[in-house]
Amino acid sequence: MTSDERQPTMHERLTHFREILRYVPRFRDRVFVIAIDGAVVEDDNFPNLLLDIALLRSLNIRVALVHGAAHQIKRYSELLKITPSDVSGTGITDRDTLQVAITAANRVTHEILEGLSANDLRGSCPNAVVAHPAGILGGVDHQFTGKVERVDMVLLQTLLEHDIIPVIPPLGIDGTGNTFRLNSDAVAVEVAKALRAVKLIYLNTDGGIRDAKGVVRQMTVQEGDAFLKKQRAELTPETVTKLSHAVRAGKEGVERVHIIDGREQEGLLGEVFSNEGIGTLIYANEYQAIRAAQKKDVRAVHSLIQQGVQNDELVKRTRWELEKIISDYFVFEVDRNPVACAALHMYPEQNMAELASVFVDPRYENQGIGAKLINYTETVARGRGIAKLFCLSTQAVNYFVQKGGYKLGSPEDLPPTRREKYEQHGRKSQVLVKALA
């Protein structure tokens, strides 16, 4: 251990453990698809990754692994003194390159299976990916390069239900037994879609997506698409393919896609079980029904708030008061009708924001709408550089603590102007706080 390194304290370890446990109910019995570049499999951190995967399984999170082999194809080609026609699975694959790809992929699969066995995990390499030739693209025959035709979901589900981790190589087989080289990033998308995975996690050696300021921590699918169009010429080919497939996965139903450096110790857990993460999160806009409130929404928002006031859940606001701060509100629409609302009031001098006026029409309760609004406002706050959120509650304290990651606070935690209003109202609401960084 160098002079600038230290072991985490017991308090830090317990805090990290609690952070993990907070996410467990959300992910239990759901599927993560983890796509591992071939270079990561040969890195010194790979045994630690396997330990992380063992932890995921111990938490009843189902895992499917997809791996690449570009790193190994390059090395085997050098040993055999041949020049591969392509290593990425997107260009032309001639017969010699196909044979090298099969050898390399089989070797990587075996190394992963060895590692799973060493961690008391069962794994299997199924013939679950059906492929067909990519064909003639741009007037060029791509020979043995293939494209995923379908994924045998039943086979993969059967393995997962029996606690067997599928290990899927970047190869596909057609109905007549012909093998084709595939791009592993594309395979991972198709597997994630077939299994309805809640997360697709790319482990590479480049880390997250970077701009001039460093790693971009999160972006929507739409932002990722725009970033690609604007920055493609400045990105490495590896980054382009990762982000391109992440965007496609989001558009086609995968809620969350993570791109992280697979060589970073505890990187997988740090990305999955923390708000900050270590790489880039590309998220499908599950909040597509959420938008900033406009003046035309004042009446609807006021009506929602009035229902909350009647239940003694919210503080009363007049239409006139609401009109002045409507830009602080967000609404959730069903068939273009606002059925829920939440507000984010900024206190820039203290670098804080208040989550307020969260209310869901009773007709739409128990559908996760409130949680989506809360998560969305938190994302907005993070995007604005806010360091701490707070909220006041009389009836939903347990929810914010157990589900939202808030901690019990006191009036002293409030910005001075907000504390003054708090004391004037006399509702004695519980103060809850949440650090965002």
Protein backbone atom coordinates (compact mmCIF):
# COMPACT_ATOMS: atom_id res chain seq x y z
CA MET A 1 0.00 0.00 0.00
CA THR A 2 1.50 3.34 -1.04
CA SER A 3 1.61 6.39 1.21
CA ASP A 4 -1.45 7.96 -0.41
CA GLU A 5 -3.57 4.81 -0.17
CA ARG A 6 -5.50 3.64 2.86
CA GLN A 7 -7.88 0.88 3.82
CA PRO A 8 -11.53 1.92 4.26
CA THR A 9 -12.63 2.40 7.83
CA MET A 10 -15.25 0.17 9.43
CA HIS A 11 -17.75 3.03 9.15
CA GLU A 12 -17.03 3.41 5.43
CA ARG A 13 -17.40 -0.34 4.86
CA LEU A 14 -20.73 -0.41 6.71
CA THR A 15 -21.94 2.64 4.79
CA HIS A 16 -21.04 0.94 1.49
CA PHE A 17 -22.77 -2.26 2.62
CA ARG A 18 -25.94 -0.35 3.54
CA GLU A 19 -25.83 1.40 0.16
CA ILE A 20 -25.78 -2.03 -1.53
CA LEU A 21 -28.65 -3.34 0.57
CA ARG A 22 -30.78 -0.32 -0.36
CA TYR A 23 -30.69 -1.41 -4.01
CA VAL A 24 -31.26 -5.12 -3.43
CA PRO A 25 -35.10 -5.14 -3.34
CA ARG A 26 -35.17 -3.30 -6.66
CA PHE A 27 -32.96 -5.85 -8.43
CA ARG A 28 -33.85 -9.15 -6.74
CA ASP A 29 -34.77 -11.82 -9.32
CA ARG A 30 -34.09 -9.37 -12.15
CA VAL A 31 -31.49 -9.92 -14.87
CA PHE A 32 -28.20 -8.12 -15.43
CA VAL A 33 -26.41 -8.74 -18.73
CA ILE A 34 -22.69 -8.12 -18.30
CA ALA A 35 -20.65 -7.71 -21.49
CA ILE A 36 -16.93 -8.23 -20.91
CA ASP A 37 -14.27 -7.25 -23.44
CA GLY A 38 -11.63 -9.91 -24.08
CA ALA A 39 -8.90 -7.61 -22.75
CA VAL A 40 -10.70 -7.36 -19.41
CA VAL A 41 -10.73 -11.15 -19.05
CA GLU A 42 -6.92 -11.14 -19.19
CA ASP A 43 -6.53 -8.23 -16.77
CA ASP A 44 -5.34 -8.74 -13.20
CA ASN A 45 -8.66 -7.42 -11.92
CA PHE A 46 -10.71 -10.19 -13.56
CA PRO A 47 -10.73 -12.41 -10.41
CA ASN A 48 -12.19 -9.43 -8.50
CA LEU A 49 -14.89 -9.07 -11.14
CA LEU A 50 -15.83 -12.70 -10.62
CA LEU A 51 -16.12 -12.06 -6.88
CA ASP A 52 -18.45 -9.14 -7.66
CA ILE A 53 -20.54 -11.41 -9.87
CA ALA A 54 -20.66 -13.98 -7.05
CA LEU A 55 -21.98 -11.24 -4.77
CA LEU A 56 -24.68 -10.33 -7.31
CA ARG A 57 -25.77 -13.96 -7.42
CA SER A 58 -25.82 -14.18 -3.61
CA LEU A 59 -28.29 -11.28 -3.68
CA ASN A 60 -30.57 -13.23 -6.05
CA ILE A 61 -29.67 -11.06 -9.03
CA ARG A 62 -29.57 -13.17 -12.17
CA VAL A 63 -26.55 -12.69 -14.41
CA ALA A 64 -25.85 -13.52 -18.04
CA LEU A 65 -22.34 -12.95 -19.41
CA VAL A 66 -21.47 -11.97 -22.97
CA HIS A 67 -17.81 -11.69 -23.87
CA GLY A 68 -15.68 -10.32 -26.67
CA ALA A 69 -12.46 -11.74 -28.09
CA ALA A 70 -10.85 -8.97 -30.16
CA HIS A 71 -7.81 -8.86 -27.88
CA GLN A 72 -7.26 -12.60 -28.20
CA ILE A 73 -7.88 -12.62 -31.96
CA LYS A 74 -5.08 -10.11 -32.42
CA ARG A 75 -2.70 -12.17 -30.33
CA TYR A 76 -3.51 -15.51 -31.95
CA SER A 77 -3.24 -13.95 -35.39
CA GLU A 78 0.27 -12.78 -34.58
CA LEU A 79 1.22 -16.25 -33.38
CA LEU A 80 -0.15 -17.82 -36.56
CA LYS A 81 1.42 -15.04 -38.65
CA ILE A 82 -1.80 -14.16 -40.42
CA THR A 83 -3.40 -10.77 -40.89
CA PRO A 84 -6.99 -10.84 -39.64
CA SER A 85 -9.48 -9.29 -42.02
CA ASP A 86 -11.35 -7.85 -39.01
CA VAL A 87 -11.28 -8.21 -35.23
CA SER A 88 -14.38 -6.27 -34.23
CA GLY A 89 -17.05 -8.50 -35.73
CA THR A 90 -18.37 -5.70 -37.91
CA GLY A 91 -16.03 -5.75 -40.92
CA ILE A 92 -15.21 -8.55 -43.33
CA THR A 93 -14.48 -11.94 -41.77
CA ASP A 94 -12.61 -14.27 -44.12
CA ARG A 95 -12.26 -18.00 -43.48
CA ASP A 96 -8.86 -17.75 -41.74
CA THR A 97 -10.08 -14.98 -39.45
CA LEU A 98 -13.19 -17.00 -38.60
CA GLN A 99 -11.06 -19.95 -37.49
CA VAL A 100 -8.91 -17.69 -35.33
CA ALA A 101 -12.06 -16.08 -33.90
CA ILE A 102 -13.50 -19.48 -32.98
CA THR A 103 -10.26 -20.51 -31.26
CA ALA A 104 -9.96 -17.19 -29.42
CA ALA A 105 -13.62 -17.10 -28.35
CA ASN A 106 -13.54 -20.68 -27.10
CA ARG A 107 -10.44 -19.88 -25.05
CA VAL A 108 -12.08 -16.84 -23.45
CA THR A 109 -15.24 -18.82 -22.72
CA HIS A 110 -13.16 -21.49 -21.01
CA GLU A 111 -11.30 -18.93 -18.89
CA ILE A 112 -14.60 -17.45 -17.74
CA LEU A 113 -16.01 -20.89 -16.90
CA GLU A 114 -12.83 -21.67 -14.95
CA GLY A 115 -13.25 -18.46 -13.00
CA LEU A 116 -16.89 -19.16 -12.24
CA SER A 117 -16.01 -22.61 -10.94
CA ALA A 118 -13.31 -21.10 -8.72
CA ASN A 119 -16.04 -18.97 -7.14
CA ASP A 120 -18.47 -21.84 -6.67
CA LEU A 121 -20.70 -20.59 -9.49
CA ARG A 122 -22.16 -22.77 -12.22
CA GLY A 123 -21.86 -21.65 -15.82
CA SER A 124 -22.63 -22.97 -19.28
CA CYS A 125 -21.96 -21.91 -22.86
CA PRO A 126 -25.27 -22.43 -24.73
CA ASN A 127 -25.90 -22.31 -28.46
CA ALA A 128 -28.54 -19.66 -27.81
CA VAL A 129 -27.60 -17.14 -30.51
CA VAL A 130 -28.97 -17.84 -33.96
CA ALA A 131 -27.25 -15.81 -36.66
CA HIS A 132 -27.39 -15.24 -40.38
CA PRO A 133 -24.81 -13.76 -42.77
CA ALA A 134 -24.45 -9.99 -42.71
CA GLY A 135 -24.38 -10.33 -46.49
CA ILE A 136 -23.28 -7.72 -49.01
CA LEU A 137 -22.97 -4.30 -47.43
CA GLY A 138 -22.00 -1.31 -49.52
CA GLY A 139 -21.22 -3.62 -52.40
CA VAL A 140 -18.81 -5.73 -50.26
CA ASP A 141 -19.42 -9.35 -49.27
CA HIS A 142 -18.75 -9.64 -45.52
CA GLN A 143 -18.36 -13.42 -45.87
CA PHE A 144 -18.39 -14.97 -42.37
CA THR A 145 -19.44 -11.87 -40.48
CA GLY A 146 -22.90 -12.43 -39.12
CA LYS A 147 -25.84 -10.65 -37.61
CA VAL A 148 -28.01 -11.85 -34.74
CA GLU A 149 -31.25 -13.27 -36.06
CA ARG A 150 -32.73 -14.24 -32.72
CA VAL A 151 -31.82 -15.29 -29.20
CA ASP A 152 -33.20 -18.50 -27.69
CA MET A 153 -34.80 -16.85 -24.67
CA VAL A 154 -36.31 -20.10 -23.37
CA LEU A 155 -32.89 -21.76 -23.22
CA LEU A 156 -31.31 -18.82 -21.40
CA GLN A 157 -34.23 -18.49 -18.99
CA THR A 158 -34.01 -22.20 -18.19
CA LEU A 159 -30.34 -21.84 -17.29
CA LEU A 160 -31.00 -18.76 -15.14
CA GLU A 161 -33.88 -20.45 -13.31
CA HIS A 162 -31.49 -23.27 -12.37
CA ASP A 163 -28.82 -20.86 -11.07
CA ILE A 164 -26.59 -21.40 -14.10
CA ILE A 165 -24.85 -18.37 -15.58
CA PRO A 166 -24.96 -18.37 -19.40
CA VAL A 167 -21.60 -17.48 -20.94
CA ILE A 168 -22.20 -16.30 -24.49
CA PRO A 169 -19.33 -15.87 -27.00
CA PRO A 170 -19.29 -13.49 -30.01
CA LEU A 171 -20.29 -16.30 -32.34
CA GLY A 172 -23.60 -17.34 -33.84
CA ILE A 173 -24.81 -20.41 -35.69
CA ASP A 174 -27.40 -20.57 -38.44
CA GLY A 175 -30.02 -23.26 -39.02
CA THR A 176 -27.66 -25.38 -41.10
CA GLY A 177 -24.75 -25.38 -38.64
CA ASN A 178 -22.63 -22.60 -40.13
CA THR A 179 -20.75 -20.37 -37.68
CA PHE A 180 -20.48 -16.58 -38.01
CA ARG A 181 -18.37 -14.01 -36.23
CA LEU A 182 -20.47 -11.44 -34.35
CA ASN A 183 -19.84 -8.14 -32.65
CA SER A 184 -20.06 -8.85 -28.91
CA ASP A 185 -21.55 -5.43 -28.12
CA ALA A 186 -24.41 -6.16 -30.51
CA VAL A 187 -24.88 -9.66 -29.06
CA ALA A 188 -25.15 -8.14 -25.58
CA VAL A 189 -27.96 -5.84 -26.70
CA GLU A 190 -29.95 -8.72 -28.19
CA VAL A 191 -29.44 -10.90 -25.09
CA ALA A 192 -30.49 -8.03 -22.81
CA LYS A 193 -33.63 -7.46 -24.87
CA ALA A 194 -34.52 -11.15 -24.93
CA LEU A 195 -34.11 -11.51 -21.16
CA ARG A 196 -35.76 -8.15 -20.43
CA ALA A 197 -32.69 -7.23 -18.43
CA VAL A 198 -32.93 -4.20 -16.15
CA LYS A 199 -29.25 -3.47 -16.74
CA LEU A 200 -26.75 -3.97 -19.53
CA ILE A 201 -23.21 -3.38 -18.29
CA TYR A 202 -20.29 -2.99 -20.67
CA LEU A 203 -16.87 -3.66 -19.10
CA ASN A 204 -14.07 -2.30 -21.26
CA THR A 205 -10.55 -0.88 -20.89
CA ASP A 206 -11.46 2.69 -21.84
CA GLY A 207 -13.86 3.51 -19.01
CA GLY A 208 -16.90 5.71 -19.43
CA ILE A 209 -17.69 8.16 -22.19
CA ARG A 210 -15.54 11.28 -21.96
CA ASP A 211 -15.94 14.86 -23.03
CA ALA A 212 -13.66 17.85 -22.47
CA LYS A 213 -14.53 17.89 -18.76
CA GLY A 214 -13.88 14.19 -18.13
CA VAL A 215 -16.17 11.20 -17.75
CA VAL A 216 -19.83 11.96 -18.45
CA ARG A 217 -21.59 10.33 -15.52
CA GLN A 218 -25.01 9.99 -17.09
CA MET A 219 -26.95 10.85 -20.20
CA THR A 220 -30.34 10.01 -21.60
CA VAL A 221 -30.62 7.96 -24.76
CA GLN A 222 -31.44 11.15 -26.64
CA GLU A 223 -28.39 12.91 -25.18
CA GLY A 224 -26.22 9.93 -26.07
CA ASP A 225 -27.49 9.98 -29.62
CA ALA A 226 -26.74 13.70 -29.90
CA PHE A 227 -23.30 13.22 -28.35
CA LEU A 228 -22.47 10.57 -30.95
CA LYS A 229 -23.49 12.79 -33.83
CA LYS A 230 -21.50 15.72 -32.51
CA GLN A 231 -18.38 14.00 -31.16
CA ARG A 232 -18.03 10.85 -33.28
CA ALA A 233 -14.88 12.07 -35.07
CA GLU A 234 -13.14 12.62 -31.72
CA LEU A 235 -14.08 9.25 -30.19
CA THR A 236 -12.14 6.00 -30.43
CA PRO A 237 -13.74 3.21 -32.50
CA GLU A 238 -14.24 1.23 -29.29
CA THR A 239 -16.08 4.12 -27.65
CA VAL A 240 -18.23 4.65 -30.73
CA THR A 241 -19.40 1.05 -30.82
CA LYS A 242 -20.10 0.96 -27.07
CA LEU A 243 -22.11 4.18 -27.08
CA SER A 244 -23.89 3.30 -30.34
CA HIS A 245 -25.10 -0.01 -28.94
CA ALA A 246 -25.95 1.54 -25.57
CA VAL A 247 -28.17 4.06 -27.33
CA ARG A 248 -29.79 1.33 -29.41
CA ALA A 249 -30.39 -0.79 -26.31
CA GLY A 250 -32.13 2.13 -24.63
CA LYS A 251 -34.30 2.80 -27.64
CA GLU A 252 -35.30 -0.86 -27.78
CA GLY A 253 -36.34 -1.32 -24.17
CA VAL A 254 -33.29 -1.78 -21.92
CA GLU A 255 -33.77 0.64 -19.03
CA ARG A 256 -30.15 1.19 -17.97
CA VAL A 257 -26.85 0.73 -19.80
CA HIS A 258 -23.53 1.25 -18.01
CA ILE A 259 -20.12 1.67 -19.61
CA ILE A 260 -17.27 1.25 -17.13
CA ASP A 261 -13.61 0.31 -16.87
CA GLY A 262 -13.50 -3.39 -16.07
CA ARG A 263 -9.98 -3.05 -14.70
CA GLU A 264 -11.03 -0.91 -11.76
CA GLN A 265 -11.29 -2.76 -8.48
CA GLU A 266 -14.87 -2.91 -7.18
CA GLY A 267 -15.86 -0.91 -10.25
CA LEU A 268 -18.82 -3.15 -11.05
CA LEU A 269 -20.31 -2.83 -7.57
CA GLY A 270 -19.45 0.85 -7.42
CA GLU A 271 -21.37 1.49 -10.62
CA VAL A 272 -24.39 -0.65 -9.86
CA PHE A 273 -24.89 0.08 -6.17
CA SER A 274 -24.21 3.79 -5.87
CA ASN A 275 -25.81 6.94 -7.18
CA GLU A 276 -22.52 8.41 -8.33
CA GLY A 277 -21.05 5.41 -10.17
CA ILE A 278 -17.61 5.31 -11.77
CA GLY A 279 -18.44 5.23 -15.47
CA THR A 280 -21.23 6.42 -17.75
CA LEU A 281 -24.90 5.56 -17.35
CA ILE A 282 -27.09 5.80 -20.44
CA TYR A 283 -30.69 5.53 -19.38
CA ALA A 284 -33.78 4.98 -21.47
CA ASN A 285 -36.21 7.78 -20.87
CA GLU A 286 -38.61 5.89 -18.64
CA TYR A 287 -39.50 9.39 -17.56
CA GLN A 288 -40.88 10.14 -21.01
CA ALA A 289 -44.21 10.89 -19.35
CA ILE A 290 -42.50 13.45 -17.09
CA ARG A 291 -41.99 17.00 -18.22
CA ALA A 292 -41.47 20.46 -16.78
CA ALA A 293 -44.73 22.10 -15.80
CA GLN A 294 -45.97 25.05 -17.82
CA LYS A 295 -48.42 27.86 -17.12
CA LYS A 296 -51.19 25.82 -18.73
CA ASP A 297 -50.64 23.19 -15.99
CA VAL A 298 -51.33 25.51 -13.05
CA ARG A 299 -54.94 24.41 -12.74
CA ALA A 300 -54.12 20.69 -12.87
CA VAL A 301 -51.19 20.99 -10.44
CA HIS A 302 -53.29 23.09 -8.05
CA SER A 303 -55.98 20.41 -8.13
CA LEU A 304 -53.44 17.70 -7.26
CA ILE A 305 -51.99 19.75 -4.44
CA GLN A 306 -55.47 20.40 -3.04
CA GLN A 307 -56.03 16.65 -2.76
CA GLY A 308 -52.78 16.38 -0.83
CA VAL A 309 -53.81 19.24 1.44
CA GLN A 310 -57.09 17.51 2.25
CA ASN A 311 -55.12 14.42 3.31
CA ASP A 312 -52.76 16.64 5.35
CA GLU A 313 -49.89 15.50 3.14
CA LEU A 314 -49.03 18.83 1.48
CA VAL A 315 -48.91 22.49 2.40
CA LYS A 316 -51.73 24.57 0.96
CA ARG A 317 -50.89 26.81 -2.00
CA THR A 318 -53.12 29.32 -3.75
CA ARG A 319 -53.39 29.45 -7.53
CA TRP A 320 -51.63 32.82 -7.43
CA GLU A 321 -48.69 31.42 -5.41
CA LEU A 322 -48.44 28.45 -7.72
CA GLU A 323 -48.36 30.58 -10.86
CA LYS A 324 -45.23 32.36 -9.59
CA ILE A 325 -43.27 29.12 -9.04
CA ILE A 326 -44.77 26.79 -11.64
CA SER A 327 -41.36 26.52 -13.32
CA ASP A 328 -40.16 24.59 -10.23
CA TYR A 329 -42.71 21.82 -10.90
CA PHE A 330 -42.72 18.63 -12.93
CA VAL A 331 -45.79 16.68 -13.96
CA PHE A 332 -46.34 13.05 -14.89
CA GLU A 333 -48.79 12.62 -17.75
CA VAL A 334 -51.08 9.77 -18.68
CA ASP A 335 -52.73 10.32 -22.05
CA ARG A 336 -51.42 13.91 -21.87
CA ASN A 337 -53.24 14.55 -18.60
CA PRO A 338 -51.16 15.42 -15.48
CA VAL A 339 -51.83 12.76 -12.83
CA ALA A 340 -48.91 13.47 -10.49
CA CYS A 341 -46.58 16.31 -9.61
CA ALA A 342 -43.39 17.15 -7.77
CA ALA A 343 -41.37 20.31 -7.27
CA LEU A 344 -37.68 21.11 -6.96
CA HIS A 345 -37.06 24.40 -5.16
CA MET A 346 -33.47 25.65 -5.47
CA TYR A 347 -31.36 27.25 -2.73
CA PRO A 348 -28.19 28.04 -4.69
CA GLU A 349 -26.42 29.93 -1.90
CA GLN A 350 -26.36 26.76 0.19
CA ASN A 351 -25.98 24.49 -2.88
CA MET A 352 -29.16 22.74 -1.76
CA ALA A 353 -32.58 21.98 -3.21
CA GLU A 354 -35.91 20.96 -1.73
CA LEU A 355 -37.97 18.10 -3.09
CA ALA A 356 -41.56 19.18 -2.45
CA SER A 357 -45.23 18.74 -3.38
CA VAL A 358 -44.90 15.10 -4.40
CA PHE A 359 -48.42 13.83 -5.00
CA VAL A 360 -50.02 11.14 -7.16
CA ASP A 361 -53.71 11.08 -8.02
CA PRO A 362 -55.17 8.18 -5.96
CA ARG A 363 -56.47 6.59 -9.16
CA TYR A 364 -52.87 6.06 -10.26
CA GLU A 365 -51.31 4.97 -6.98
CA ASN A 366 -49.15 1.83 -6.64
CA GLN A 367 -47.83 2.12 -10.19
CA GLY A 368 -44.40 3.49 -9.29
CA ILE A 369 -45.23 6.98 -10.56
CA GLY A 370 -44.21 8.73 -7.35
CA ALA A 371 -40.86 6.92 -7.32
CA LYS A 372 -40.21 7.92 -10.93
CA LEU A 373 -40.93 11.56 -10.15
CA ILE A 374 -38.64 11.46 -7.12
CA ASN A 375 -35.84 9.81 -9.10
CA TYR A 376 -36.31 12.26 -11.93
CA THR A 377 -36.08 15.32 -9.73
CA GLU A 378 -32.97 13.90 -8.11
CA THR A 379 -31.43 13.45 -11.55
CA VAL A 380 -32.28 17.07 -12.38
CA ALA A 381 -30.70 18.22 -9.12
CA ARG A 382 -27.53 16.29 -9.87
CA GLY A 383 -27.39 17.79 -13.33
CA ARG A 384 -27.53 21.24 -11.78
CA GLY A 385 -24.61 20.45 -9.50
CA ILE A 386 -26.64 20.40 -6.29
CA ALA A 387 -24.79 18.81 -3.37
CA LYS A 388 -27.70 18.09 -1.02
CA LEU A 389 -31.44 17.53 -1.22
CA PHE A 390 -33.91 17.91 1.61
CA CYS A 391 -37.61 17.31 1.98
CA LEU A 392 -40.25 17.73 4.67
CA SER A 393 -42.75 15.00 5.38
CA THR A 394 -45.46 14.18 7.91
CA GLN A 395 -46.64 10.82 6.54
CA ALA A 396 -44.03 9.41 4.17
CA VAL A 397 -40.93 9.47 6.39
CA ASN A 398 -40.35 5.71 6.21
CA TYR A 399 -40.64 5.73 2.44
CA PHE A 400 -38.02 8.44 2.00
CA VAL A 401 -35.65 6.73 4.44
CA GLN A 402 -36.07 3.13 3.32
CA LYS A 403 -36.64 3.62 -0.41
CA GLY A 404 -35.21 7.04 -1.19
CA GLY A 405 -31.95 6.91 0.73
CA TYR A 406 -32.76 9.95 2.86
CA LYS A 407 -31.62 10.35 6.45
CA LEU A 408 -33.41 11.95 9.35
CA GLY A 409 -32.38 15.55 9.84
CA SER A 410 -33.43 18.55 11.89
CA PRO A 411 -34.56 22.14 11.21
CA GLU A 412 -30.92 23.19 11.60
CA ASP A 413 -30.21 21.39 8.29
CA LEU A 414 -32.51 23.75 6.38
CA PRO A 415 -31.39 26.89 4.53
CA PRO A 416 -32.12 29.98 6.68
CA THR A 417 -35.02 31.23 4.57
CA ARG A 418 -36.61 27.77 4.45
CA ARG A 419 -36.16 27.28 8.18
CA GLU A 420 -38.00 30.52 8.82
CA LYS A 421 -40.99 29.31 6.80
CA TYR A 422 -40.78 25.93 8.53
CA GLU A 423 -41.14 27.55 11.94
CA GLN A 424 -43.97 29.80 10.74
CA HIS A 425 -46.07 26.88 9.46
CA GLY A 426 -45.86 24.97 12.72
CA ARG A 427 -46.66 21.62 11.04
CA LYS A 428 -43.66 20.00 12.75
CA SER A 429 -42.81 18.02 9.62
CA GLN A 430 -39.86 15.68 9.80
CA VAL A 431 -36.80 17.05 8.03
CA LEU A 432 -35.05 14.53 5.74
CA VAL A 433 -31.76 15.09 3.95
CA LYS A 434 -29.81 13.32 1.22
CA ALA A 435 -26.27 14.04 0.08
CA LEU A 436 -25.84 13.84 -3.69
CA ALA A 437 -22.05 13.81 -3.73
